[in-house]
Amino acid sequence: MKKVAKNSVLMERLHKGFVLTCLGITIYGMTEMGMRWYRYFTVLRPQIKEKERLDKLQLLAEGSSDVLIDTAANLKM
């Protein structure tokens, strides 16, 4: 069996710990991104679409009102 220097073993353990930490952070980040993506498409986007639809209906209702009367003075050229 080959003898390994003590510093080398220590460095290997530190490197392994660092790599596993990076993998853990990556997996956590991807999970968080997936949850936000799912929430956007299932909750937020439908709410935004509904609000836009209601705003358009409100604008159409304001424009089609018979109560609005043209009060501008007649222009003579």
C-alpha atoms as a PDB file:
ATOM      1  CA  MET A   1       0.000   0.000   0.000  1.00  0.00           C
ATOM      2  CA  LYS A   2       1.282   3.402  -0.957  1.00  0.00           C
ATOM      3  CA  LYS A   3       1.972   5.830   1.840  1.00  0.00           C
ATOM      4  CA  VAL A   4       0.147   9.149   1.501  1.00  0.00           C
ATOM      5  CA  ALA A   5       1.355  12.326   3.128  1.00  0.00           C
ATOM      6  CA  LYS A   6      -0.844  13.689   5.906  1.00  0.00           C
ATOM      7  CA  ASN A   7      -1.227  17.061   4.152  1.00  0.00           C
ATOM      8  CA  SER A   8      -2.496  15.303   1.047  1.00  0.00           C
ATOM      9  CA  VAL A   9      -5.207  13.466   3.012  1.00  0.00           C
ATOM     10  CA  LEU A  10      -6.261  16.704   4.664  1.00  0.00           C
ATOM     11  CA  MET A  11      -6.468  18.489   1.322  1.00  0.00           C
ATOM     12  CA  GLU A  12      -8.482  15.637  -0.195  1.00  0.00           C
ATOM     13  CA  ARG A  13     -10.989  15.785   2.661  1.00  0.00           C
ATOM     14  CA  LEU A  14     -11.299  19.563   2.375  1.00  0.00           C
ATOM     15  CA  HIS A  15     -11.768  19.294  -1.391  1.00  0.00           C
ATOM     16  CA  LYS A  16     -14.387  16.581  -1.009  1.00  0.00           C
ATOM     17  CA  GLY A  17     -16.239  18.669   1.566  1.00  0.00           C
ATOM     18  CA  PHE A  18     -16.139  21.699  -0.693  1.00  0.00           C
ATOM     19  CA  VAL A  19     -17.416  19.731  -3.696  1.00  0.00           C
ATOM     20  CA  LEU A  20     -20.260  18.210  -1.663  1.00  0.00           C
ATOM     21  CA  THR A  21     -21.181  21.655  -0.343  1.00  0.00           C
ATOM     22  CA  CYS A  22     -21.289  23.022  -3.889  1.00  0.00           C
ATOM     23  CA  LEU A  23     -23.482  20.130  -5.007  1.00  0.00           C
ATOM     24  CA  GLY A  24     -25.828  20.673  -2.075  1.00  0.00           C
ATOM     25  CA  ILE A  25     -26.144  24.374  -2.811  1.00  0.00           C
ATOM     26  CA  THR A  26     -26.797  23.624  -6.481  1.00  0.00           C
ATOM     27  CA  ILE A  27     -29.499  21.072  -5.704  1.00  0.00           C
ATOM     28  CA  TYR A  28     -31.131  23.428  -3.205  1.00  0.00           C
ATOM     29  CA  GLY A  29     -31.013  26.313  -5.695  1.00  0.00           C
ATOM     30  CA  MET A  30     -32.518  24.262  -8.515  1.00  0.00           C
ATOM     31  CA  THR A  31     -35.294  23.063  -6.209  1.00  0.00           C
ATOM     32  CA  GLU A  32     -36.039  26.635  -5.142  1.00  0.00           C
ATOM     33  CA  MET A  33     -36.084  27.809  -8.766  1.00  0.00           C
ATOM     34  CA  GLY A  34     -38.444  24.982  -9.698  1.00  0.00           C
ATOM     35  CA  MET A  35     -40.821  25.879  -6.892  1.00  0.00           C
ATOM     36  CA  ARG A  36     -40.839  29.545  -7.927  1.00  0.00           C
ATOM     37  CA  TRP A  37     -41.386  28.583 -11.577  1.00  0.00           C
ATOM     38  CA  TYR A  38     -44.314  26.343 -10.606  1.00  0.00           C
ATOM     39  CA  ARG A  39     -45.849  29.077  -8.410  1.00  0.00           C
ATOM     40  CA  TYR A  40     -45.511  31.645 -11.184  1.00  0.00           C
ATOM     41  CA  PHE A  41     -47.319  29.521 -13.759  1.00  0.00           C
ATOM     42  CA  THR A  42     -49.991  28.180 -11.408  1.00  0.00           C
ATOM     43  CA  VAL A  43     -50.744  31.185  -9.179  1.00  0.00           C
ATOM     44  CA  LEU A  44     -49.238  34.487 -10.261  1.00  0.00           C
ATOM     45  CA  ARG A  45     -49.648  34.320 -14.035  1.00  0.00           C
ATOM     46  CA  PRO A  46     -53.389  33.477 -13.881  1.00  0.00           C
ATOM     47  CA  GLN A  47     -53.897  36.371 -11.428  1.00  0.00           C
ATOM     48  CA  ILE A  48     -52.092  38.766 -13.780  1.00  0.00           C
ATOM     49  CA  LYS A  49     -54.144  37.552 -16.762  1.00  0.00           C
ATOM     50  CA  GLU A  50     -57.396  37.952 -14.799  1.00  0.00           C
ATOM     51  CA  LYS A  51     -56.454  41.481 -13.710  1.00  0.00           C
ATOM     52  CA  GLU A  52     -55.626  42.443 -17.308  1.00  0.00           C
ATOM     53  CA  ARG A  53     -58.957  40.995 -18.477  1.00  0.00           C
ATOM     54  CA  LEU A  54     -60.890  42.939 -15.820  1.00  0.00           C
ATOM     55  CA  ASP A  55     -59.026  46.150 -16.711  1.00  0.00           C
ATOM     56  CA  LYS A  56     -59.955  45.708 -20.387  1.00  0.00           C
ATOM     57  CA  LEU A  57     -63.593  45.094 -19.473  1.00  0.00           C
ATOM     58  CA  GLN A  58     -63.602  48.206 -17.304  1.00  0.00           C
ATOM     59  CA  LEU A  59     -62.176  50.309 -20.126  1.00  0.00           C
ATOM     60  CA  LEU A  60     -64.774  48.933 -22.532  1.00  0.00           C
ATOM     61  CA  ALA A  61     -67.551  49.688 -20.045  1.00  0.00           C
ATOM     62  CA  GLU A  62     -66.338  53.268 -19.619  1.00  0.00           C
ATOM     63  CA  GLY A  63     -66.211  53.814 -23.369  1.00  0.00           C
ATOM     64  CA  SER A  64     -69.685  52.389 -24.079  1.00  0.00           C
ATOM     65  CA  SER A  65     -71.517  54.419 -21.466  1.00  0.00           C
ATOM     66  CA  ASP A  66     -74.538  56.446 -22.684  1.00  0.00           C
ATOM     67  CA  VAL A  67     -74.129  58.832 -19.772  1.00  0.00           C
ATOM     68  CA  LEU A  68     -71.111  60.491 -21.340  1.00  0.00           C
ATOM     69  CA  ILE A  69     -72.163  63.534 -23.337  1.00  0.00           C
ATOM     70  CA  ASP A  70     -69.921  65.572 -25.580  1.00  0.00           C
ATOM     71  CA  THR A  71     -69.636  68.957 -23.884  1.00  0.00           C
ATOM     72  CA  ALA A  72     -67.056  70.498 -26.189  1.00  0.00           C
ATOM     73  CA  ALA A  73     -67.976  73.752 -27.866  1.00  0.00           C
ATOM     74  CA  ASN A  74     -68.574  73.713 -31.600  1.00  0.00           C
ATOM     75  CA  LEU A  75     -65.494  74.622 -33.557  1.00  0.00           C
ATOM     76  CA  LYS A  76     -65.950  76.949 -36.508  1.00  0.00           C
ATOM     77  CA  MET A  77     -63.258  77.194 -39.082  1.00  0.00           C
END
